[in-house]
Amino acid sequence: MDIPIKNLVGNFILFLPMGFYLPYFMKKINKVSVFSLLMIILLFIFKVLQLVTRRGSFDIDDFILNMFGAIIGFGIWKSNVVQKLLK
């Protein structure tokens, strides 16, 4: 039971910081749709590289959890509390 929990939490938390870093370094990413499209492209590239280098697998559940973590991070980034702290 320990391995599935680590897999779920790890994949979720792994891309949570992307929700902060991408909009911080790329100022044009200020909408969820633009962020989501860019994350889908980046995740697809990461998963293909894992498949080609045989360092991981191309699992749809990993893709979904990574995407969900990144969107939650983006939601935290766009929250009023964080935006007030930045100003």
N, C-alpha and C. Protein backbone atom coordinates (compact mmCIF):
# COMPACT_ATOMS: atom_id res chain seq x y z
N MET A 1 0.82 -1.20 0.00
CA MET A 1 0.00 0.00 0.00
C MET A 1 0.86 1.27 0.00
N ASP A 2 2.09 1.13 0.42
CA ASP A 2 2.99 2.28 0.51
C ASP A 2 3.40 2.79 -0.87
N ILE A 3 3.63 1.90 -1.81
CA ILE A 3 4.09 2.29 -3.15
C ILE A 3 3.03 3.09 -3.92
N PRO A 4 1.75 2.67 -3.95
CA PRO A 4 0.77 3.50 -4.67
C PRO A 4 0.59 4.89 -4.08
N ILE A 5 0.68 5.01 -2.76
CA ILE A 5 0.54 6.33 -2.13
C ILE A 5 1.71 7.22 -2.54
N LYS A 6 2.92 6.67 -2.50
CA LYS A 6 4.09 7.45 -2.92
C LYS A 6 3.99 7.84 -4.39
N ASN A 7 3.48 6.96 -5.22
CA ASN A 7 3.31 7.25 -6.64
C ASN A 7 2.31 8.38 -6.86
N LEU A 8 1.18 8.31 -6.19
CA LEU A 8 0.15 9.35 -6.34
C LEU A 8 0.64 10.70 -5.83
N VAL A 9 1.14 10.73 -4.62
CA VAL A 9 1.58 11.99 -4.02
C VAL A 9 2.81 12.53 -4.74
N GLY A 10 3.73 11.66 -5.11
CA GLY A 10 4.94 12.11 -5.81
C GLY A 10 4.64 12.74 -7.15
N ASN A 11 3.77 12.12 -7.94
CA ASN A 11 3.43 12.67 -9.24
C ASN A 11 2.65 13.97 -9.12
N PHE A 12 1.85 14.08 -8.09
CA PHE A 12 1.09 15.31 -7.87
C PHE A 12 2.02 16.45 -7.46
N ILE A 13 2.89 16.18 -6.50
CA ILE A 13 3.76 17.23 -5.95
C ILE A 13 4.91 17.58 -6.90
N LEU A 14 5.29 16.65 -7.75
CA LEU A 14 6.42 16.87 -8.65
C LEU A 14 6.22 18.09 -9.55
N PHE A 15 5.02 18.29 -10.06
CA PHE A 15 4.77 19.40 -10.97
C PHE A 15 4.00 20.55 -10.33
N LEU A 16 3.76 20.50 -9.05
CA LEU A 16 3.13 21.62 -8.35
C LEU A 16 3.94 22.91 -8.50
N PRO A 17 5.27 22.88 -8.36
CA PRO A 17 6.06 24.11 -8.54
C PRO A 17 6.00 24.70 -9.95
N MET A 18 5.69 23.88 -10.95
CA MET A 18 5.58 24.42 -12.31
C MET A 18 4.46 25.46 -12.40
N GLY A 19 3.46 25.33 -11.56
CA GLY A 19 2.39 26.31 -11.52
C GLY A 19 2.85 27.67 -11.02
N PHE A 20 3.96 27.68 -10.29
CA PHE A 20 4.55 28.94 -9.82
C PHE A 20 5.59 29.46 -10.80
N TYR A 21 6.49 28.58 -11.22
CA TYR A 21 7.65 28.99 -12.00
C TYR A 21 7.30 29.44 -13.41
N LEU A 22 6.42 28.73 -14.08
CA LEU A 22 6.09 29.08 -15.46
C LEU A 22 5.50 30.48 -15.57
N PRO A 23 4.47 30.83 -14.79
CA PRO A 23 3.96 32.21 -14.91
C PRO A 23 4.92 33.27 -14.39
N TYR A 24 5.79 32.89 -13.46
CA TYR A 24 6.75 33.86 -12.93
C TYR A 24 7.80 34.23 -13.98
N PHE A 25 8.30 33.24 -14.70
CA PHE A 25 9.35 33.50 -15.68
C PHE A 25 8.81 33.86 -17.06
N MET A 26 7.59 33.47 -17.36
CA MET A 26 6.98 33.80 -18.65
C MET A 26 5.73 34.62 -18.37
N LYS A 27 5.85 35.91 -18.46
CA LYS A 27 4.78 36.83 -18.05
C LYS A 27 3.52 36.71 -18.92
N LYS A 28 3.63 36.16 -20.13
CA LYS A 28 2.47 36.05 -21.02
C LYS A 28 1.52 34.93 -20.59
N ILE A 29 1.97 34.09 -19.68
CA ILE A 29 1.12 32.98 -19.22
C ILE A 29 0.30 33.50 -18.04
N ASN A 30 -0.85 34.08 -18.34
CA ASN A 30 -1.69 34.61 -17.27
C ASN A 30 -3.10 34.03 -17.31
N LYS A 31 -3.37 33.12 -18.22
CA LYS A 31 -4.68 32.48 -18.31
C LYS A 31 -4.51 30.98 -18.13
N VAL A 32 -5.53 30.36 -17.57
CA VAL A 32 -5.48 28.92 -17.34
C VAL A 32 -5.38 28.15 -18.65
N SER A 33 -6.06 28.62 -19.69
CA SER A 33 -6.03 27.90 -20.97
C SER A 33 -4.64 27.90 -21.58
N VAL A 34 -3.95 29.02 -21.54
CA VAL A 34 -2.59 29.11 -22.08
C VAL A 34 -1.65 28.25 -21.25
N PHE A 35 -1.79 28.33 -19.93
CA PHE A 35 -0.96 27.54 -19.04
C PHE A 35 -1.19 26.04 -19.27
N SER A 36 -2.44 25.64 -19.38
CA SER A 36 -2.78 24.23 -19.57
C SER A 36 -2.21 23.70 -20.88
N LEU A 37 -2.33 24.47 -21.93
CA LEU A 37 -1.81 24.04 -23.23
C LEU A 37 -0.29 23.88 -23.17
N LEU A 38 0.39 24.83 -22.57
CA LEU A 38 1.84 24.75 -22.45
C LEU A 38 2.25 23.56 -21.58
N MET A 39 1.53 23.29 -20.50
CA MET A 39 1.84 22.16 -19.63
C MET A 39 1.60 20.84 -20.34
N ILE A 40 0.56 20.75 -21.14
CA ILE A 40 0.30 19.52 -21.89
C ILE A 40 1.46 19.24 -22.85
N ILE A 41 1.93 20.28 -23.52
CA ILE A 41 3.06 20.12 -24.44
C ILE A 41 4.31 19.70 -23.69
N LEU A 42 4.61 20.38 -22.56
CA LEU A 42 5.80 20.04 -21.78
C LEU A 42 5.72 18.63 -21.21
N LEU A 43 4.57 18.25 -20.68
CA LEU A 43 4.43 16.91 -20.13
C LEU A 43 4.56 15.84 -21.21
N PHE A 44 4.01 16.12 -22.37
CA PHE A 44 4.13 15.18 -23.47
C PHE A 44 5.60 14.99 -23.86
N ILE A 45 6.35 16.09 -23.91
CA ILE A 45 7.78 16.01 -24.22
C ILE A 45 8.52 15.21 -23.15
N PHE A 46 8.22 15.47 -21.86
CA PHE A 46 8.86 14.73 -20.77
C PHE A 46 8.56 13.24 -20.84
N LYS A 47 7.30 12.92 -21.11
CA LYS A 47 6.90 11.51 -21.16
C LYS A 47 7.52 10.79 -22.35
N VAL A 48 7.62 11.46 -23.49
CA VAL A 48 8.26 10.85 -24.65
C VAL A 48 9.75 10.63 -24.38
N LEU A 49 10.39 11.61 -23.72
CA LEU A 49 11.80 11.45 -23.36
C LEU A 49 11.99 10.28 -22.40
N GLN A 50 11.09 10.11 -21.45
CA GLN A 50 11.15 8.97 -20.54
C GLN A 50 11.02 7.66 -21.31
N LEU A 51 10.14 7.65 -22.27
CA LEU A 51 9.92 6.44 -23.06
C LEU A 51 11.13 6.12 -23.92
N VAL A 52 11.70 7.13 -24.55
CA VAL A 52 12.85 6.93 -25.44
C VAL A 52 14.09 6.51 -24.65
N THR A 53 14.33 7.16 -23.51
CA THR A 53 15.52 6.86 -22.71
C THR A 53 15.32 5.67 -21.79
N ARG A 54 14.14 5.14 -21.75
CA ARG A 54 13.78 3.99 -20.90
C ARG A 54 14.05 4.27 -19.43
N ARG A 55 13.82 5.49 -19.02
CA ARG A 55 13.97 5.91 -17.62
C ARG A 55 12.63 6.00 -16.91
N GLY A 56 11.59 5.66 -17.56
CA GLY A 56 10.26 5.71 -16.98
C GLY A 56 9.27 5.13 -17.95
N SER A 57 8.02 5.39 -17.69
CA SER A 57 6.98 4.87 -18.58
C SER A 57 6.02 5.99 -18.95
N PHE A 58 5.29 5.77 -20.00
CA PHE A 58 4.31 6.74 -20.49
C PHE A 58 2.95 6.31 -19.96
N ASP A 59 2.68 6.63 -18.71
CA ASP A 59 1.41 6.27 -18.08
C ASP A 59 0.46 7.47 -18.08
N ILE A 60 -0.77 7.22 -18.45
CA ILE A 60 -1.75 8.30 -18.49
C ILE A 60 -2.07 8.79 -17.08
N ASP A 61 -2.01 7.92 -16.08
CA ASP A 61 -2.29 8.37 -14.72
C ASP A 61 -1.21 9.33 -14.22
N ASP A 62 0.06 9.08 -14.59
CA ASP A 62 1.12 10.02 -14.25
C ASP A 62 0.89 11.36 -14.94
N PHE A 63 0.50 11.31 -16.19
CA PHE A 63 0.24 12.52 -16.98
C PHE A 63 -0.87 13.35 -16.31
N ILE A 64 -1.95 12.69 -15.92
CA ILE A 64 -3.09 13.38 -15.30
C ILE A 64 -2.70 13.96 -13.95
N LEU A 65 -1.99 13.19 -13.12
CA LEU A 65 -1.58 13.69 -11.81
C LEU A 65 -0.60 14.84 -11.93
N ASN A 66 0.33 14.76 -12.86
CA ASN A 66 1.27 15.87 -13.07
C ASN A 66 0.52 17.12 -13.52
N MET A 67 -0.42 16.95 -14.43
CA MET A 67 -1.21 18.09 -14.92
C MET A 67 -2.04 18.69 -13.80
N PHE A 68 -2.67 17.83 -12.99
CA PHE A 68 -3.49 18.31 -11.88
C PHE A 68 -2.64 19.07 -10.87
N GLY A 69 -1.45 18.57 -10.57
CA GLY A 69 -0.55 19.27 -9.66
C GLY A 69 -0.14 20.63 -10.19
N ALA A 70 0.16 20.71 -11.48
CA ALA A 70 0.56 21.98 -12.07
C ALA A 70 -0.59 22.98 -12.06
N ILE A 71 -1.80 22.51 -12.32
CA ILE A 71 -2.96 23.43 -12.32
C ILE A 71 -3.26 23.91 -10.91
N ILE A 72 -3.11 23.05 -9.91
CA ILE A 72 -3.29 23.49 -8.52
C ILE A 72 -2.23 24.53 -8.18
N GLY A 73 -1.00 24.31 -8.59
CA GLY A 73 0.06 25.30 -8.37
C GLY A 73 -0.25 26.62 -9.04
N PHE A 74 -0.79 26.57 -10.26
CA PHE A 74 -1.17 27.79 -10.97
C PHE A 74 -2.30 28.51 -10.24
N GLY A 75 -3.24 27.74 -9.70
CA GLY A 75 -4.33 28.35 -8.92
C GLY A 75 -3.82 29.04 -7.67
N ILE A 76 -2.85 28.43 -7.02
CA ILE A 76 -2.24 29.06 -5.84
C ILE A 76 -1.51 30.33 -6.26
N TRP A 77 -0.79 30.26 -7.39
CA TRP A 77 -0.06 31.43 -7.88
C TRP A 77 -1.00 32.59 -8.19
N LYS A 78 -2.16 32.30 -8.78
CA LYS A 78 -3.10 33.35 -9.16
C LYS A 78 -3.99 33.80 -8.00
N SER A 79 -3.86 33.19 -6.83
CA SER A 79 -4.70 33.57 -5.70
C SER A 79 -4.37 35.00 -5.26
N ASN A 80 -5.32 35.62 -4.65
CA ASN A 80 -5.16 37.01 -4.22
C ASN A 80 -4.07 37.16 -3.17
N VAL A 81 -3.91 36.19 -2.31
CA VAL A 81 -2.90 36.26 -1.25
C VAL A 81 -1.50 36.33 -1.84
N VAL A 82 -1.20 35.47 -2.77
CA VAL A 82 0.12 35.45 -3.39
C VAL A 82 0.35 36.71 -4.21
N GLN A 83 -0.64 37.14 -4.95
CA GLN A 83 -0.49 38.34 -5.77
C GLN A 83 -0.27 39.59 -4.91
N LYS A 84 -0.92 39.64 -3.74
CA LYS A 84 -0.69 40.78 -2.83
C LYS A 84 0.71 40.73 -2.25
N LEU A 85 1.21 39.53 -1.96
CA LEU A 85 2.57 39.41 -1.43
C LEU A 85 3.62 39.84 -2.46
N LEU A 86 3.33 39.59 -3.74
CA LEU A 86 4.28 39.98 -4.77
C LEU A 86 4.32 41.48 -5.01
N LYS A 87 3.24 42.14 -4.72
CA LYS A 87 3.20 43.61 -4.92
C LYS A 87 3.74 44.27 -3.71
